[in-house]
Amino acid sequence: MFTPTWLAAHPGPHSVMGDDGMTPAARRGHRRASAGHASGAELAARIPGATLHLVEGARRAYFVEFREQAGPLVVGFLRDHPLA
C-alpha cells in the first residue's frame, strides 16, 4: 500500500488498510481480490475521457502518500467530467 520509506516515517494506523471490524477470513479474501485488480492502463482504457497519470514510485495508497501530486489530478478530472 505504501513505500517502506514513507511507512517508516508514518507508522499509522492507516484507514486504507481495511475495516478494523473485518474478520481474519474477510481480510484474507480482500487481499486475494486486491491481487487481481486491473492495472491503471486497463482502467484508463475503459473510462471515457480518462487520462493515465503514473506517479513514480507510488503504490496502491498513492492518494495518501502522494496526495500533493494525485489530488489535483483527480479533482481536475472530476471537474472536467461532471456527472450528468
PDB file of N, CA and C in Angstrom:
ATOM      1  N   MET A   1       0.812  -1.190   0.000  1.00  0.00           N
ATOM      2  CA  MET A   1       0.000   0.000   0.000  1.00  0.00           C
ATOM      3  C   MET A   1       0.865   1.267   0.000  1.00  0.00           C
ATOM      4  N   PHE A   2       1.941   1.263   0.787  1.00  0.00           N
ATOM      5  CA  PHE A   2       2.828   2.411   0.918  1.00  0.00           C
ATOM      6  C   PHE A   2       4.261   1.976   0.655  1.00  0.00           C
ATOM      7  N   THR A   3       5.111   2.931   0.294  1.00  0.00           N
ATOM      8  CA  THR A   3       6.529   2.609   0.155  1.00  0.00           C
ATOM      9  C   THR A   3       7.117   2.400   1.552  1.00  0.00           C
ATOM     10  N   PRO A   4       8.119   1.547   1.691  1.00  0.00           N
ATOM     11  CA  PRO A   4       8.713   1.300   3.004  1.00  0.00           C
ATOM     12  C   PRO A   4       9.241   2.563   3.684  1.00  0.00           C
ATOM     13  N   THR A   5       9.831   3.464   2.914  1.00  0.00           N
ATOM     14  CA  THR A   5      10.368   4.698   3.481  1.00  0.00           C
ATOM     15  C   THR A   5       9.254   5.549   4.087  1.00  0.00           C
ATOM     16  N   TRP A   6       8.155   5.726   3.359  1.00  0.00           N
ATOM     17  CA  TRP A   6       7.042   6.536   3.854  1.00  0.00           C
ATOM     18  C   TRP A   6       6.411   5.873   5.070  1.00  0.00           C
ATOM     19  N   LEU A   7       6.228   4.559   5.000  1.00  0.00           N
ATOM     20  CA  LEU A   7       5.611   3.832   6.110  1.00  0.00           C
ATOM     21  C   LEU A   7       6.451   3.924   7.377  1.00  0.00           C
ATOM     22  N   ALA A   8       7.768   3.910   7.238  1.00  0.00           N
ATOM     23  CA  ALA A   8       8.642   4.035   8.407  1.00  0.00           C
ATOM     24  C   ALA A   8       8.462   5.395   9.074  1.00  0.00           C
ATOM     25  N   ALA A   9       8.217   6.432   8.292  1.00  0.00           N
ATOM     26  CA  ALA A   9       8.029   7.773   8.832  1.00  0.00           C
ATOM     27  C   ALA A   9       6.587   8.039   9.278  1.00  0.00           C
ATOM     28  N   HIS A  10       5.652   7.203   8.840  1.00  0.00           N
ATOM     29  CA  HIS A  10       4.223   7.366   9.146  1.00  0.00           C
ATOM     30  C   HIS A  10       3.661   6.002   9.572  1.00  0.00           C
ATOM     31  N   PRO A  11       3.946   5.557  10.794  1.00  0.00           N
ATOM     32  CA  PRO A  11       3.592   4.196  11.201  1.00  0.00           C
ATOM     33  C   PRO A  11       2.096   3.906  11.324  1.00  0.00           C
ATOM     34  N   GLY A  12       1.271   4.896  11.308  1.00  0.00           N
ATOM     35  CA  GLY A  12      -0.169   4.637  11.313  1.00  0.00           C
ATOM     36  C   GLY A  12      -0.783   4.632  12.702  1.00  0.00           C
ATOM     37  N   PRO A  13      -1.962   4.089  12.831  1.00  0.00           N
ATOM     38  CA  PRO A  13      -2.676   3.215  11.895  1.00  0.00           C
ATOM     39  C   PRO A  13      -3.198   3.974  10.673  1.00  0.00           C
ATOM     40  N   HIS A  14      -3.422   3.232   9.598  1.00  0.00           N
ATOM     41  CA  HIS A  14      -3.879   3.794   8.339  1.00  0.00           C
ATOM     42  C   HIS A  14      -5.238   3.203   7.984  1.00  0.00           C
ATOM     43  N   SER A  15      -6.197   4.053   7.707  1.00  0.00           N
ATOM     44  CA  SER A  15      -7.546   3.585   7.404  1.00  0.00           C
ATOM     45  C   SER A  15      -7.632   2.852   6.071  1.00  0.00           C
ATOM     46  N   VAL A  16      -6.681   3.025   5.190  1.00  0.00           N
ATOM     47  CA  VAL A  16      -6.721   2.350   3.891  1.00  0.00           C
ATOM     48  C   VAL A  16      -6.347   0.874   3.999  1.00  0.00           C
ATOM     49  N   MET A  17      -5.963   0.450   5.171  1.00  0.00           N
ATOM     50  CA  MET A  17      -5.542  -0.938   5.351  1.00  0.00           C
ATOM     51  C   MET A  17      -6.722  -1.877   5.593  1.00  0.00           C
ATOM     52  N   GLY A  18      -7.947  -1.377   5.551  1.00  0.00           N
ATOM     53  CA  GLY A  18      -9.122  -2.216   5.734  1.00  0.00           C
ATOM     54  C   GLY A  18      -9.925  -1.797   6.946  1.00  0.00           C
ATOM     55  N   ASP A  19     -11.086  -2.355   7.052  1.00  0.00           N
ATOM     56  CA  ASP A  19     -12.005  -2.079   8.150  1.00  0.00           C
ATOM     57  C   ASP A  19     -11.536  -2.816   9.399  1.00  0.00           C
ATOM     58  N   ASP A  20     -11.428  -2.100  10.514  1.00  0.00           N
ATOM     59  CA  ASP A  20     -10.985  -2.730  11.760  1.00  0.00           C
ATOM     60  C   ASP A  20     -11.902  -3.862  12.197  1.00  0.00           C
ATOM     61  N   GLY A  21     -13.157  -3.852  11.753  1.00  0.00           N
ATOM     62  CA  GLY A  21     -14.110  -4.890  12.123  1.00  0.00           C
ATOM     63  C   GLY A  21     -14.059  -6.130  11.248  1.00  0.00           C
ATOM     64  N   MET A  22     -13.183  -6.139  10.239  1.00  0.00           N
ATOM     65  CA  MET A  22     -13.101  -7.293   9.344  1.00  0.00           C
ATOM     66  C   MET A  22     -12.582  -8.521  10.088  1.00  0.00           C
ATOM     67  N   THR A  23     -13.180  -9.652   9.786  1.00  0.00           N
ATOM     68  CA  THR A  23     -12.677 -10.906  10.347  1.00  0.00           C
ATOM     69  C   THR A  23     -11.386 -11.273   9.622  1.00  0.00           C
ATOM     70  N   PRO A  24     -10.569 -12.135  10.212  1.00  0.00           N
ATOM     71  CA  PRO A  24      -9.361 -12.570   9.500  1.00  0.00           C
ATOM     72  C   PRO A  24      -9.681 -13.175   8.127  1.00  0.00           C
ATOM     73  N   ALA A  25     -10.765 -13.934   8.035  1.00  0.00           N
ATOM     74  CA  ALA A  25     -11.138 -14.539   6.753  1.00  0.00           C
ATOM     75  C   ALA A  25     -11.515 -13.468   5.729  1.00  0.00           C
ATOM     76  N   ALA A  26     -12.248 -12.452   6.170  1.00  0.00           N
ATOM     77  CA  ALA A  26     -12.631 -11.369   5.267  1.00  0.00           C
ATOM     78  C   ALA A  26     -11.402 -10.593   4.810  1.00  0.00           C
ATOM     79  N   ARG A  27     -10.466 -10.372   5.717  1.00  0.00           N
ATOM     80  CA  ARG A  27      -9.239  -9.648   5.367  1.00  0.00           C
ATOM     81  C   ARG A  27      -8.427 -10.443   4.338  1.00  0.00           C
ATOM     82  N   ARG A  28      -8.342 -11.770   4.503  1.00  0.00           N
ATOM     83  CA  ARG A  28      -7.632 -12.607   3.521  1.00  0.00           C
ATOM     84  C   ARG A  28      -8.328 -12.544   2.166  1.00  0.00           C
ATOM     85  N   GLY A  29      -9.656 -12.603   2.177  1.00  0.00           N
ATOM     86  CA  GLY A  29     -10.410 -12.517   0.931  1.00  0.00           C
ATOM     87  C   GLY A  29     -10.205 -11.194   0.226  1.00  0.00           C
ATOM     88  N   HIS A  30     -10.164 -10.124   1.015  1.00  0.00           N
ATOM     89  CA  HIS A  30      -9.929  -8.795   0.438  1.00  0.00           C
ATOM     90  C   HIS A  30      -8.552  -8.729  -0.220  1.00  0.00           C
ATOM     91  N   ARG A  31      -7.563  -9.282   0.449  1.00  0.00           N
ATOM     92  CA  ARG A  31      -6.206  -9.274  -0.118  1.00  0.00           C
ATOM     93  C   ARG A  31      -6.127 -10.114  -1.391  1.00  0.00           C
ATOM     94  N   ARG A  32      -6.814 -11.249  -1.420  1.00  0.00           N
ATOM     95  CA  ARG A  32      -6.833 -12.073  -2.638  1.00  0.00           C
ATOM     96  C   ARG A  32      -7.494 -11.302  -3.781  1.00  0.00           C
ATOM     97  N   ALA A  33      -8.609 -10.640  -3.486  1.00  0.00           N
ATOM     98  CA  ALA A  33      -9.310  -9.876  -4.527  1.00  0.00           C
ATOM     99  C   ALA A  33      -8.446  -8.708  -5.006  1.00  0.00           C
ATOM    100  N   SER A  34      -7.764  -8.048  -4.091  1.00  0.00           N
ATOM    101  CA  SER A  34      -6.914  -6.915  -4.453  1.00  0.00           C
ATOM    102  C   SER A  34      -5.791  -7.324  -5.393  1.00  0.00           C
ATOM    103  N   ALA A  35      -5.309  -8.540  -5.241  1.00  0.00           N
ATOM    104  CA  ALA A  35      -4.207  -9.009  -6.084  1.00  0.00           C
ATOM    105  C   ALA A  35      -4.627  -9.096  -7.554  1.00  0.00           C
ATOM    106  N   GLY A  36      -5.936  -9.192  -7.820  1.00  0.00           N
ATOM    107  CA  GLY A  36      -6.417  -9.327  -9.182  1.00  0.00           C
ATOM    108  C   GLY A  36      -6.956  -8.041  -9.787  1.00  0.00           C
ATOM    109  N   HIS A  37      -6.733  -6.902  -9.138  1.00  0.00           N
ATOM    110  CA  HIS A  37      -7.232  -5.629  -9.664  1.00  0.00           C
ATOM    111  C   HIS A  37      -6.626  -5.321 -11.028  1.00  0.00           C
ATOM    112  N   ALA A  38      -7.416  -4.646 -11.830  1.00  0.00           N
ATOM    113  CA  ALA A  38      -6.944  -4.240 -13.153  1.00  0.00           C
ATOM    114  C   ALA A  38      -5.846  -3.195 -13.025  1.00  0.00           C
ATOM    115  N   SER A  39      -4.964  -3.167 -13.979  1.00  0.00           N
ATOM    116  CA  SER A  39      -3.890  -2.173 -13.986  1.00  0.00           C
ATOM    117  C   SER A  39      -4.458  -0.807 -14.347  1.00  0.00           C
ATOM    118  N   GLY A  40      -3.680   0.226 -14.056  1.00  0.00           N
ATOM    119  CA  GLY A  40      -4.089   1.583 -14.393  1.00  0.00           C
ATOM    120  C   GLY A  40      -4.361   1.759 -15.873  1.00  0.00           C
ATOM    121  N   ALA A  41      -3.550   1.129 -16.697  1.00  0.00           N
ATOM    122  CA  ALA A  41      -3.741   1.245 -18.145  1.00  0.00           C
ATOM    123  C   ALA A  41      -5.071   0.620 -18.569  1.00  0.00           C
ATOM    124  N   GLU A  42      -5.413  -0.526 -17.989  1.00  0.00           N
ATOM    125  CA  GLU A  42      -6.693  -1.164 -18.315  1.00  0.00           C
ATOM    126  C   GLU A  42      -7.865  -0.300 -17.863  1.00  0.00           C
ATOM    127  N   LEU A  43      -7.765   0.260 -16.662  1.00  0.00           N
ATOM    128  CA  LEU A  43      -8.839   1.118 -16.161  1.00  0.00           C
ATOM    129  C   LEU A  43      -9.006   2.356 -17.026  1.00  0.00           C
ATOM    130  N   ALA A  44      -7.907   3.012 -17.350  1.00  0.00           N
ATOM    131  CA  ALA A  44      -7.977   4.229 -18.163  1.00  0.00           C
ATOM    132  C   ALA A  44      -8.593   3.947 -19.528  1.00  0.00           C
ATOM    133  N   ALA A  45      -8.306   2.796 -20.084  1.00  0.00           N
ATOM    134  CA  ALA A  45      -8.859   2.447 -21.389  1.00  0.00           C
ATOM    135  C   ALA A  45     -10.375   2.255 -21.336  1.00  0.00           C
ATOM    136  N   ARG A  46     -10.892   1.932 -20.164  1.00  0.00           N
ATOM    137  CA  ARG A  46     -12.327   1.656 -20.019  1.00  0.00           C
ATOM    138  C   ARG A  46     -13.137   2.845 -19.506  1.00  0.00           C
ATOM    139  N   ILE A  47     -12.474   3.920 -19.092  1.00  0.00           N
ATOM    140  CA  ILE A  47     -13.170   5.086 -18.554  1.00  0.00           C
ATOM    141  C   ILE A  47     -13.167   6.179 -19.613  1.00  0.00           C
ATOM    142  N   PRO A  48     -14.353   6.558 -20.104  1.00  0.00           N
ATOM    143  CA  PRO A  48     -14.414   7.594 -21.149  1.00  0.00           C
ATOM    144  C   PRO A  48     -13.740   8.888 -20.696  1.00  0.00           C
ATOM    145  N   GLY A  49     -12.858   9.400 -21.525  1.00  0.00           N
ATOM    146  CA  GLY A  49     -12.180  10.662 -21.249  1.00  0.00           C
ATOM    147  C   GLY A  49     -11.034  10.570 -20.262  1.00  0.00           C
ATOM    148  N   ALA A  50     -10.722   9.371 -19.797  1.00  0.00           N
ATOM    149  CA  ALA A  50      -9.669   9.222 -18.792  1.00  0.00           C
ATOM    150  C   ALA A  50      -8.289   9.480 -19.378  1.00  0.00           C
ATOM    151  N   THR A  51      -7.418   9.965 -18.525  1.00  0.00           N
ATOM    152  CA  THR A  51      -6.017  10.145 -18.852  1.00  0.00           C
ATOM    153  C   THR A  51      -5.223   9.426 -17.780  1.00  0.00           C
ATOM    154  N   LEU A  52      -4.267   8.634 -18.173  1.00  0.00           N
ATOM    155  CA  LEU A  52      -3.450   7.892 -17.220  1.00  0.00           C
ATOM    156  C   LEU A  52      -2.273   8.746 -16.777  1.00  0.00           C
ATOM    157  N   HIS A  53      -2.152   8.925 -15.477  1.00  0.00           N
ATOM    158  CA  HIS A  53      -1.013   9.631 -14.881  1.00  0.00           C
ATOM    159  C   HIS A  53      -0.338   8.660 -13.930  1.00  0.00           C
ATOM    160  N   LEU A  54       0.909   8.340 -14.184  1.00  0.00           N
ATOM    161  CA  LEU A  54       1.651   7.443 -13.306  1.00  0.00           C
ATOM    162  C   LEU A  54       2.483   8.278 -12.342  1.00  0.00           C
ATOM    163  N   VAL A  55       2.359   7.968 -11.056  1.00  0.00           N
ATOM    164  CA  VAL A  55       3.129   8.661 -10.032  1.00  0.00           C
ATOM    165  C   VAL A  55       4.337   7.780  -9.721  1.00  0.00           C
ATOM    166  N   GLU A  56       5.490   8.259 -10.104  1.00  0.00           N
ATOM    167  CA  GLU A  56       6.733   7.491  -9.966  1.00  0.00           C
ATOM    168  C   GLU A  56       6.928   7.008  -8.530  1.00  0.00           C
ATOM    169  N   GLY A  57       7.112   5.708  -8.376  1.00  0.00           N
ATOM    170  CA  GLY A  57       7.394   5.118  -7.075  1.00  0.00           C
ATOM    171  C   GLY A  57       6.185   4.840  -6.213  1.00  0.00           C
ATOM    172  N   ALA A  58       5.001   5.253  -6.655  1.00  0.00           N
ATOM    173  CA  ALA A  58       3.802   5.095  -5.833  1.00  0.00           C
ATOM    174  C   ALA A  58       3.296   3.655  -5.833  1.00  0.00           C
ATOM    175  N   ARG A  59       2.646   3.308  -4.754  1.00  0.00           N
ATOM    176  CA  ARG A  59       1.980   2.022  -4.631  1.00  0.00           C
ATOM    177  C   ARG A  59       0.475   2.267  -4.566  1.00  0.00           C
ATOM    178  N   ARG A  60      -0.279   1.302  -4.070  1.00  0.00           N
ATOM    179  CA  ARG A  60      -1.744   1.385  -4.096  1.00  0.00           C
ATOM    180  C   ARG A  60      -2.324   2.550  -3.312  1.00  0.00           C
ATOM    181  N   ALA A  61      -1.694   2.964  -2.244  1.00  0.00           N
ATOM    182  CA  ALA A  61      -2.213   4.079  -1.443  1.00  0.00           C
ATOM    183  C   ALA A  61      -1.596   5.408  -1.889  1.00  0.00           C
ATOM    184  N   TYR A  62      -1.411   5.550  -3.191  1.00  0.00           N
ATOM    185  CA  TYR A  62      -0.820   6.775  -3.758  1.00  0.00           C
ATOM    186  C   TYR A  62      -1.589   8.016  -3.326  1.00  0.00           C
ATOM    187  N   PHE A  63      -2.903   7.894  -3.156  1.00  0.00           N
ATOM    188  CA  PHE A  63      -3.755   9.030  -2.825  1.00  0.00           C
ATOM    189  C   PHE A  63      -3.509   9.565  -1.417  1.00  0.00           C
ATOM    190  N   VAL A  64      -2.814   8.794  -0.588  1.00  0.00           N
ATOM    191  CA  VAL A  64      -2.403   9.264   0.741  1.00  0.00           C
ATOM    192  C   VAL A  64      -0.950   9.730   0.685  1.00  0.00           C
ATOM    193  N   GLU A  65      -0.082   8.840   0.243  1.00  0.00           N
ATOM    194  CA  GLU A  65       1.351   9.122   0.255  1.00  0.00           C
ATOM    195  C   GLU A  65       1.742  10.242  -0.711  1.00  0.00           C
ATOM    196  N   PHE A  66       1.109  10.300  -1.858  1.00  0.00           N
ATOM    197  CA  PHE A  66       1.441  11.288  -2.888  1.00  0.00           C
ATOM    198  C   PHE A  66       0.266  12.229  -3.145  1.00  0.00           C
ATOM    199  N   ARG A  67      -0.457  12.598  -2.091  1.00  0.00           N
ATOM    200  CA  ARG A  67      -1.678  13.393  -2.264  1.00  0.00           C
ATOM    201  C   ARG A  67      -1.432  14.751  -2.916  1.00  0.00           C
ATOM    202  N   GLU A  68      -0.249  15.338  -2.703  1.00  0.00           N
ATOM    203  CA  GLU A  68       0.023  16.636  -3.331  1.00  0.00           C
ATOM    204  C   GLU A  68       0.074  16.532  -4.853  1.00  0.00           C
ATOM    205  N   GLN A  69       0.509  15.390  -5.372  1.00  0.00           N
ATOM    206  CA  GLN A  69       0.536  15.166  -6.819  1.00  0.00           C
ATOM    207  C   GLN A  69      -0.793  14.641  -7.323  1.00  0.00           C
ATOM    208  N   ALA A  70      -1.326  13.630  -6.643  1.00  0.00           N
ATOM    209  CA  ALA A  70      -2.507  12.925  -7.130  1.00  0.00           C
ATOM    210  C   ALA A  70      -3.799  13.711  -6.937  1.00  0.00           C
ATOM    211  N   GLY A  71      -3.927  14.410  -5.822  1.00  0.00           N
ATOM    212  CA  GLY A  71      -5.168  15.127  -5.526  1.00  0.00           C
ATOM    213  C   GLY A  71      -5.602  16.082  -6.615  1.00  0.00           C
ATOM    214  N   PRO A  72      -4.735  16.993  -7.054  1.00  0.00           N
ATOM    215  CA  PRO A  72      -5.137  17.920  -8.123  1.00  0.00           C
ATOM    216  C   PRO A  72      -5.501  17.212  -9.429  1.00  0.00           C
ATOM    217  N   LEU A  73      -4.862  16.099  -9.728  1.00  0.00           N
ATOM    218  CA  LEU A  73      -5.192  15.356 -10.947  1.00  0.00           C
ATOM    219  C   LEU A  73      -6.603  14.770 -10.861  1.00  0.00           C
ATOM    220  N   VAL A  74      -6.932  14.198  -9.718  1.00  0.00           N
ATOM    221  CA  VAL A  74      -8.267  13.609  -9.529  1.00  0.00           C
ATOM    222  C   VAL A  74      -9.330  14.700  -9.540  1.00  0.00           C
ATOM    223  N   VAL A  75      -9.084  15.770  -8.806  1.00  0.00           N
ATOM    224  CA  VAL A  75     -10.047  16.877  -8.761  1.00  0.00           C
ATOM    225  C   VAL A  75     -10.239  17.474 -10.154  1.00  0.00           C
ATOM    226  N   GLY A  76      -9.162  17.620 -10.888  1.00  0.00           N
ATOM    227  CA  GLY A  76      -9.260  18.141 -12.251  1.00  0.00           C
ATOM    228  C   GLY A  76     -10.091  17.246 -13.152  1.00  0.00           C
ATOM    229  N   PHE A  77      -9.892  15.940 -13.045  1.00  0.00           N
ATOM    230  CA  PHE A  77     -10.689  15.009 -13.856  1.00  0.00           C
ATOM    231  C   PHE A  77     -12.165  15.126 -13.502  1.00  0.00           C
ATOM    232  N   LEU A  78     -12.460  15.153 -12.205  1.00  0.00           N
ATOM    233  CA  LEU A  78     -13.857  15.256 -11.776  1.00  0.00           C
ATOM    234  C   LEU A  78     -14.479  16.588 -12.208  1.00  0.00           C
ATOM    235  N   ARG A  79     -13.707  17.655 -12.163  1.00  0.00           N
ATOM    236  CA  ARG A  79     -14.197  18.969 -12.601  1.00  0.00           C
ATOM    237  C   ARG A  79     -14.482  18.958 -14.106  1.00  0.00           C
ATOM    238  N   ASP A  80     -13.606  18.324 -14.864  1.00  0.00           N
ATOM    239  CA  ASP A  80     -13.746  18.301 -16.317  1.00  0.00           C
ATOM    240  C   ASP A  80     -14.770  17.287 -16.806  1.00  0.00           C
ATOM    241  N   HIS A  81     -15.201  16.379 -15.946  1.00  0.00           N
ATOM    242  CA  HIS A  81     -16.164  15.337 -16.312  1.00  0.00           C
ATOM    243  C   HIS A  81     -17.279  15.267 -15.255  1.00  0.00           C
ATOM    244  N   PRO A  82     -18.093  16.323 -15.161  1.00  0.00           N
ATOM    245  CA  PRO A  82     -19.154  16.325 -14.141  1.00  0.00           C
ATOM    246  C   PRO A  82     -20.210  15.256 -14.440  1.00  0.00           C
ATOM    247  N   LEU A  83     -20.821  14.785 -13.377  1.00  0.00           N
ATOM    248  CA  LEU A  83     -21.918  13.828 -13.548  1.00  0.00           C
ATOM    249  C   LEU A  83     -23.115  14.523 -14.172  1.00  0.00           C
ATOM    250  N   ALA A  84     -23.788  13.814 -15.050  1.00  0.00           N
ATOM    251  CA  ALA A  84     -24.947  14.398 -15.726  1.00  0.00           C
ATOM    252  C   ALA A  84     -26.125  14.525 -14.782  1.00  0.00           C
TER     253      ALA A  84
END
